[in-house]
Structure formats: structure tokens, C-alpha cells
Protein backbone atom coordinates (compact mmCIF):
# COMPACT_ATOMS: atom_id res chain seq x y z
CA UNK A 1 0.01 -0.22 0.05
CA UNK A 2 1.22 3.50 -0.53
CA UNK A 3 0.91 6.42 2.09
CA UNK A 4 -1.69 9.40 1.39
CA UNK A 5 1.10 11.50 1.01
CA UNK A 6 3.75 9.84 -1.89
CA UNK A 7 0.67 9.23 -4.30
CA UNK A 8 1.23 10.61 -7.57
CA UNK A 9 -1.10 13.40 -7.38
CA UNK A 10 -0.05 14.33 -4.30
CA UNK A 11 3.60 14.66 -5.36
CA UNK A 12 2.10 16.52 -8.24
CA UNK A 13 0.98 18.71 -6.30
CA UNK A 14 4.07 19.12 -4.17
CA UNK A 15 6.19 19.70 -7.44
CA UNK A 16 3.84 22.02 -8.95
CA UNK A 17 4.07 24.40 -6.23
CA UNK A 18 7.87 24.08 -6.51
CA UNK A 19 7.87 24.35 -10.46
CA UNK A 20 6.05 27.37 -9.92
CA UNK A 21 8.72 29.20 -7.59
CA UNK A 22 10.70 29.22 -10.26
CA UNK A 23 8.75 29.07 -13.38
CA UNK A 24 8.30 33.10 -13.44
CA UNK A 25 12.56 33.28 -14.09
CA UNK A 26 12.34 32.16 -17.14
CA UNK A 27 10.11 34.54 -18.88
CA UNK A 28 12.52 35.77 -20.64
CA UNK A 29 14.67 32.82 -21.37
CA UNK A 30 11.79 29.73 -21.85
CA UNK A 31 14.47 27.80 -23.64
CA UNK A 32 15.96 27.24 -20.16
CA UNK A 33 12.76 26.41 -18.55
CA UNK A 34 12.53 22.96 -19.86
CA UNK A 35 15.62 21.37 -18.36
CA UNK A 36 15.12 23.24 -15.30
CA UNK A 37 12.11 22.12 -14.63
CA UNK A 38 13.32 18.62 -15.29
CA UNK A 39 16.24 18.97 -12.68
CA UNK A 40 14.02 20.04 -10.55
CA UNK A 41 11.20 17.54 -10.63
CA UNK A 42 13.89 14.75 -10.35
CA UNK A 43 15.49 15.94 -7.19
CA UNK A 44 11.96 15.97 -5.99
CA UNK A 45 11.23 12.43 -7.57
CA UNK A 46 14.26 11.74 -6.21
CA UNK A 47 13.41 12.51 -2.33
CA UNK A 48 10.34 11.18 -2.59
CA UNK A 49 11.42 7.69 -4.01
CA UNK A 50 14.43 7.22 -1.08
CA UNK A 51 11.39 8.10 1.42
CA UNK A 52 8.59 5.62 0.10
CA UNK A 53 10.52 2.84 0.25
CA UNK A 54 9.90 3.20 4.17
CA UNK A 55 6.80 3.06 4.27
CA UNK A 56 5.28 1.29 1.39
CA UNK A 57 5.74 -2.66 0.84
CA UNK A 58 5.51 -2.33 -2.77
CA UNK A 59 9.51 -2.46 -3.77
CA UNK A 60 8.75 -1.38 -7.61
CA UNK A 61 6.70 2.23 -6.76
CA UNK A 62 9.79 4.49 -7.08
CA UNK A 63 10.19 3.28 -10.63
CA UNK A 64 6.73 3.98 -11.40
CA UNK A 65 6.88 7.18 -9.25
CA UNK A 66 9.43 8.34 -11.67
CA UNK A 67 8.14 6.86 -14.80
CA UNK A 68 4.75 8.57 -14.56
CA UNK A 69 6.05 11.67 -13.07
CA UNK A 70 8.53 12.33 -15.79
CA UNK A 71 7.12 11.10 -18.76
CA UNK A 72 3.64 12.14 -17.42
CA UNK A 73 3.08 15.13 -15.72
CA UNK A 74 5.91 16.82 -16.45
CA UNK A 75 5.69 17.18 -20.35
CA UNK A 76 1.95 18.69 -19.91
CA UNK A 77 3.10 21.41 -16.63
CA UNK A 78 5.86 22.58 -19.21
CA UNK A 79 3.79 23.13 -22.10
CA UNK A 80 1.14 25.03 -19.66
CA UNK A 81 3.69 27.22 -17.74
CA UNK A 82 5.55 28.03 -20.96
CA UNK A 83 2.58 29.29 -22.50
CA UNK A 84 1.87 30.74 -19.55
CA UNK A 85 4.85 32.73 -19.64
CA UNK A 86 4.36 33.81 -22.66
CA UNK A 87 0.75 35.16 -21.71
CA UNK A 88 2.57 37.00 -18.52
CA UNK A 89 4.93 38.64 -20.91
CA UNK A 90 2.70 40.11 -23.30
CA UNK A 91 0.59 41.18 -20.56
CA UNK A 92 -1.97 38.95 -21.01
CA UNK A 93 -2.65 40.35 -24.31
CA UNK A 94 -3.40 43.65 -23.16
CA UNK A 95 -3.17 46.96 -25.70
CA UNK A 96 0.27 48.40 -25.25
CA UNK A 97 0.53 45.82 -22.52
CA UNK A 98 -1.51 48.20 -20.33
CA UNK A 99 0.47 50.75 -19.95
CA UNK A 100 -1.09 54.35 -18.29
CA UNK A 101 -0.88 55.93 -21.54
CA UNK A 102 -3.23 53.32 -22.64
CA UNK A 103 -5.21 53.16 -19.42
CA UNK A 104 -5.95 56.45 -20.25
CA UNK A 105 -6.95 56.64 -23.83
CA UNK A 106 -9.09 53.66 -23.08
CA UNK A 107 -10.90 55.28 -20.37
CA UNK A 108 -11.27 58.97 -21.77
CA UNK A 109 -12.79 57.09 -24.95
CA UNK A 110 -15.21 54.55 -22.62
CA UNK A 111 -15.93 57.72 -20.91
CA UNK A 112 -16.93 59.85 -24.25
CA UNK A 113 -18.85 56.94 -26.05
CA UNK A 114 -20.72 56.88 -22.37
CA UNK A 115 -21.65 60.45 -22.05
CA UNK A 116 -23.15 60.41 -25.50
CA UNK A 117 -24.66 57.01 -24.95
CA UNK A 118 -26.51 58.81 -21.61
CA UNK A 119 -27.91 61.81 -23.70
CA UNK A 120 -30.19 59.96 -25.92
CA UNK A 121 -30.86 56.77 -23.65
CA UNK A 122 -32.99 56.38 -20.61
CA UNK A 123 -30.79 56.36 -16.99
CA UNK A 124 -31.19 52.41 -16.64
CA UNK A 125 -29.09 52.21 -19.88
CA UNK A 126 -26.60 55.20 -18.92
CA UNK A 127 -25.76 53.64 -15.81
CA UNK A 128 -24.89 50.62 -17.81
CA UNK A 129 -22.69 52.90 -19.77
CA UNK A 130 -21.15 54.22 -16.99
CA UNK A 131 -20.35 50.08 -15.28
CA UNK A 132 -18.60 49.83 -18.47
CA UNK A 133 -16.28 52.30 -18.57
CA UNK A 134 -15.55 51.32 -14.80
CA UNK A 135 -14.66 47.62 -16.58
CA UNK A 136 -12.54 49.24 -19.31
CA UNK A 137 -10.41 50.89 -16.87
CA UNK A 138 -9.73 47.75 -15.36
CA UNK A 139 -9.62 45.37 -18.10
CA UNK A 140 -5.64 44.57 -17.80
CA UNK A 141 -6.34 43.30 -13.80
CA UNK A 142 -9.82 41.82 -15.61
CA UNK A 143 -7.68 39.88 -18.20
CA UNK A 144 -4.35 39.26 -15.77
CA UNK A 145 -7.27 37.26 -13.20
CA UNK A 146 -9.20 35.55 -16.46
CA UNK A 147 -5.87 33.71 -18.10
CA UNK A 148 -4.61 33.02 -14.72
CA UNK A 149 -7.86 31.08 -13.13
CA UNK A 150 -8.01 29.19 -16.62
CA UNK A 151 -4.05 28.27 -15.88
CA UNK A 152 -5.03 27.44 -12.73
CA UNK A 153 -7.98 24.89 -14.07
CA UNK A 154 -5.54 23.09 -16.58
CA UNK A 155 -2.84 22.53 -13.70
CA UNK A 156 -5.86 21.22 -11.96
CA UNK A 157 -6.79 18.95 -14.71
CA UNK A 158 -3.26 17.68 -15.15
CA UNK A 159 -3.20 16.91 -10.68
CA UNK A 160 -6.69 15.29 -11.40
CA UNK A 161 -5.19 13.07 -14.21
CA UNK A 162 -2.76 12.01 -11.61
CA UNK A 163 -4.81 11.05 -9.89
CA UNK A 164 -7.04 8.72 -11.51
CA UNK A 165 -3.68 6.84 -13.03
CA UNK A 166 -2.58 6.37 -9.63
CA UNK A 167 -6.34 4.94 -8.81
CA UNK A 168 -5.94 2.52 -11.82
CA UNK A 169 -2.51 1.60 -11.16
CA UNK A 170 -1.06 -1.83 -11.77
CA UNK A 171 2.61 -1.71 -9.80
CA UNK A 172 2.82 -4.78 -9.69
CA UNK A 173 5.99 -6.03 -12.45
CA UNK A 174 5.86 -9.07 -14.77
CA UNK A 175 8.44 -11.47 -12.34
CA UNK A 176 5.75 -10.64 -8.97
CA UNK A 177 2.73 -11.39 -11.38
CA UNK A 178 4.60 -14.62 -12.12
CA UNK A 179 5.31 -15.15 -8.29
CA UNK A 180 1.74 -14.11 -7.61
CA UNK A 181 0.90 -17.18 -10.09
CA UNK A 182 3.27 -19.33 -9.28
CA UNK A 183 2.08 -19.15 -5.38
CA UNK A 184 -2.14 -19.61 -6.18
CA UNK A 185 -1.04 -22.38 -8.34
CA UNK A 186 0.89 -24.48 -5.48
CA UNK A 187 -2.36 -22.97 -3.02
CA UNK A 188 -4.59 -24.75 -6.00
CA UNK A 189 -2.64 -27.87 -6.09
CA UNK A 190 -2.22 -28.28 -2.29
CA UNK A 191 -6.00 -28.43 -2.10
CA UNK A 192 -6.73 -30.74 -5.04
CA UNK A 193 -7.16 -34.59 -3.72
CA UNK A 194 -3.75 -36.57 -4.91
CA UNK A 195 -4.74 -38.50 -7.60
CA UNK A 196 -5.13 -42.31 -7.36
CA UNK A 197 -2.14 -44.31 -8.26
CA UNK A 198 -2.20 -46.85 -11.58
CA UNK A 199 -3.89 -49.64 -11.47
CA UNK A 200 -1.12 -52.64 -12.28
CA UNK A 201 -1.88 -55.39 -13.72
CA UNK A 202 -3.70 -57.91 -12.23
CA UNK A 203 -3.55 -61.72 -12.23
CA UNK A 204 -6.14 -63.13 -13.93
CA UNK A 205 -7.67 -65.03 -10.56
CA UNK A 206 -8.40 -61.19 -9.67
CA UNK A 207 -11.56 -60.39 -11.83
CA UNK A 208 -14.64 -58.18 -11.84
CA UNK A 209 -17.41 -59.84 -10.06
CA UNK A 210 -18.83 -60.45 -13.83
CA UNK A 211 -16.05 -62.31 -15.24
CA UNK A 212 -16.47 -64.71 -12.14
CA UNK A 213 -19.98 -65.11 -12.02
CA UNK A 214 -19.70 -66.35 -15.90
CA UNK A 215 -16.61 -68.68 -15.38
CA UNK A 216 -18.43 -70.35 -12.22
CA UNK A 217 -21.60 -70.80 -14.41
CA UNK A 218 -19.78 -72.33 -17.32
CA UNK A 219 -18.30 -74.38 -14.61
CA UNK A 220 -21.42 -75.56 -13.38
CA UNK A 221 -22.70 -76.80 -16.86
CA UNK A 222 -19.83 -78.90 -17.78
CA UNK A 223 -20.06 -80.43 -14.61
CA UNK A 224 -23.25 -81.31 -15.26
CA UNK A 225 -22.92 -82.96 -18.71
CA UNK A 226 -20.40 -84.74 -17.44
CA UNK A 227 -22.24 -85.88 -14.50
CA UNK A 228 -25.06 -87.26 -17.41
CA UNK A 229 -22.56 -89.00 -19.09
CA UNK A 230 -21.26 -90.88 -16.70
CA UNK A 231 -24.77 -91.53 -15.39
CA UNK A 232 -26.15 -92.88 -18.46
CA UNK A 233 -22.50 -95.87 -18.65
């Protein structure tokens, strides 16, 4: 049994926390991110594998842990992290990266549009127009919040997949399966009754009751015929 602290999804969560601390260091150096992420993942997996051997009765689990984290989790995380780094570098696609000039121009345009709209429309629609001005002023922050939320959702999907992999994981090696099969066969053989020894060739006197009855009847008939012949003489 594997303790909950060393499940694939739990280790993945710890790895996400560690990698997120280093992810922003490679916003301007995306080519260095992949080897750095792998080095961090290998260090964490090595520590987890050395500790899990003390608590788990599955000696092959460290191999499974390393394979699933480095070959299943890490490539997906790396792709998501690099995409998010590119978005952060461009300030999530905000015009002029949301600098003060862009914010001033967009907000001024929204105020002008709201003033014209409220002059010809009822007060209810005018209130909506001025609310739109507020949203335009905060648009860079709203875009950043939206994309960060999507990023967290995608990371959670990866962790959930690791949980499903762990729940359906066959951690037995072929040799272990063969040993289990041999053990089961041995137990089945122990429960089975011993086969009867082969019947050796019996002498002609050891016959079935049917054969003995026929021989006795034939012998009796011959004796009767012999007695009748003797009486005639």
C-alpha cells in the first residue's frame, strides 16, 4: 500500500508548488525552462522515492513514481507553463501591455462614449454605460485574472489525471505477477486431492464380479454334462 503523501497526485501538487516558484524566472529565457523544470522534478522525485521505500510494501513503486511524474506530468506542465509565461510577458494581450498611456486613452474613450450614450438613452442604460467605463479602466487586471484562472484550472486537470492514473495503477512487475501466479497454483495444487495410483496388471484370478459369475456358471454347466454322461454309462 502507498501512503497518501506519496500518491502520484500528491507528489504532483508538491511539484507544481516548487515549479511555480521557479517558472517566472524563465519568462525571458524559455529555452532554459525545460531542462530546469526537469532538474527540479528529478530532485523532488528522488527524495520522494527514497522516503516511500520506508513506508510502502511495494518495492517497484519508486520506478512507477519516477516514470509517471517525469513522462506523464512534467511534459504537460512544461507546455502549460511556457504558454502562460508567454502570456505574462505580453501582459495577457492587453493593448500596449496596459501601460498608463493605454489605460488613459481607453478610459477616456469609454467616458466619451458613455456620455453620448446616456444623453440619448434612458437612465438605466446610462448606468450600464458608466459601468462599462469602470470595466474598461480595469480591463488589464480583469484579463490577467481570467487567464490566471484558466491556468490554474488546466493545472488542476493535470493533477486530477494523475489521481486517476494512481487509482488504476498496476504497480506489479511481470516477475511479481509470475510469482503470485505460481503461489496461487501451488495453493490450488495443495487443496486438490492426490491422484490415485495407476492400477497394476492383475493376475487372471483377480477379475470383476461379472467375469467370475460367468466362469462359475460355465464350470457348473460342464460339471452337469459330465455327471449325466457318467450316469448313462
